[in-house]
Amino acid sequence: MTDTPPDRLSIDPASKFFDEPLLERGIGIRFNGTEKNNVEEYCVSEGWVRVAAGKAVDRKGKPLTVKLKGTVEAYFRDQPE
């Protein structure tokens, strides 16, 4: 595996940016210098993250999300030895 996380990643299995092995490895997101644990999807090059908007869900049961723009830093939580 590579030492750099992908530019864009989603936790939604229906998304084309979903990658289960990378998610199992553990991805950390730092947004505007603050650690975020509730990120649904991110894009480093475009500078945005999608986070759940409270407990609201759409008619299919997926959480409603809000897109926040800023500085995004992605990293692996488990550093390879």
Protein backbone atom coordinates (compact mmCIF):
# COMPACT_ATOMS: atom_id res chain seq x y z
CA MET A 1 0.00 0.00 0.00
CA THR A 2 1.00 3.58 -0.50
CA ASP A 3 1.96 5.99 2.29
CA THR A 4 -0.28 8.81 1.06
CA PRO A 5 -4.07 8.68 1.32
CA PRO A 6 -6.16 9.25 -1.81
CA ASP A 7 -7.19 12.72 -2.93
CA ARG A 8 -10.88 11.86 -2.50
CA LEU A 9 -12.56 9.19 -0.39
CA SER A 10 -16.12 8.39 0.74
CA ILE A 11 -17.54 6.07 3.41
CA ASP A 12 -20.71 5.47 1.34
CA PRO A 13 -20.52 2.03 -0.37
CA ALA A 14 -22.66 3.34 -3.26
CA SER A 15 -20.08 6.04 -4.11
CA LYS A 16 -17.43 5.50 -6.78
CA PHE A 17 -14.88 6.96 -4.31
CA PHE A 18 -15.51 4.18 -1.73
CA ASP A 19 -12.44 2.02 -0.97
CA GLU A 20 -12.94 -0.50 1.84
CA PRO A 21 -9.29 -1.58 2.35
CA LEU A 22 -8.23 2.05 2.84
CA LEU A 23 -11.09 2.70 5.27
CA GLU A 24 -10.13 -0.40 7.29
CA ARG A 25 -6.57 0.91 7.50
CA GLY A 26 -7.89 4.12 9.05
CA ILE A 27 -7.91 7.62 7.58
CA GLY A 28 -7.64 10.72 9.74
CA ILE A 29 -8.91 14.11 8.57
CA ARG A 30 -7.66 17.47 9.76
CA PHE A 31 -9.97 20.27 8.57
CA ASN A 32 -8.75 23.86 9.08
CA GLY A 33 -6.34 22.57 11.73
CA THR A 34 -9.04 20.71 13.71
CA GLU A 35 -9.34 16.92 13.92
CA LYS A 36 -12.69 15.74 12.47
CA ASN A 37 -14.20 12.34 13.27
CA ASN A 38 -17.57 12.71 11.52
CA VAL A 39 -16.45 13.13 7.89
CA GLU A 40 -18.58 11.28 5.33
CA GLU A 41 -16.49 12.27 2.29
CA TYR A 42 -13.51 14.53 1.58
CA CYS A 43 -11.51 15.98 -1.31
CA VAL A 44 -8.06 17.40 -0.61
CA SER A 45 -7.47 19.06 -4.00
CA GLU A 46 -10.82 20.88 -4.03
CA GLY A 47 -10.62 21.69 -0.29
CA TRP A 48 -13.93 20.40 1.11
CA VAL A 49 -15.40 17.82 3.46
CA ARG A 50 -18.94 16.50 3.85
CA VAL A 51 -20.16 16.02 7.41
CA ALA A 52 -23.47 14.73 8.72
CA ALA A 53 -26.05 17.44 9.47
CA GLY A 54 -27.24 16.29 12.87
CA LYS A 55 -29.39 13.17 12.97
CA ALA A 56 -31.46 14.06 9.91
CA VAL A 57 -31.76 11.41 7.20
CA ASP A 58 -33.15 11.44 3.69
CA ARG A 59 -35.98 9.20 2.50
CA LYS A 60 -33.53 6.37 1.76
CA GLY A 61 -32.12 6.45 5.31
CA LYS A 62 -28.78 8.05 4.44
CA PRO A 63 -27.62 10.98 6.59
CA LEU A 64 -28.05 14.47 5.22
CA THR A 65 -24.67 16.12 4.75
CA VAL A 66 -23.26 19.62 4.64
CA LYS A 67 -20.27 20.55 2.48
CA LEU A 68 -17.67 22.65 4.33
CA LYS A 69 -14.86 24.37 2.44
CA GLY A 70 -11.39 24.95 3.85
CA THR A 71 -7.98 23.34 4.22
CA VAL A 72 -8.16 19.53 4.24
CA GLU A 73 -5.30 17.27 5.35
CA ALA A 74 -5.72 13.50 5.13
CA TYR A 75 -3.39 11.00 6.81
CA PHE A 76 -3.27 7.34 7.78
CA ARG A 77 -3.94 6.68 11.46
CA ASP A 78 -1.70 3.59 11.49
CA GLN A 79 1.74 4.61 10.29
CA PRO A 80 3.55 1.71 8.56
CA GLU A 81 6.77 0.57 10.18
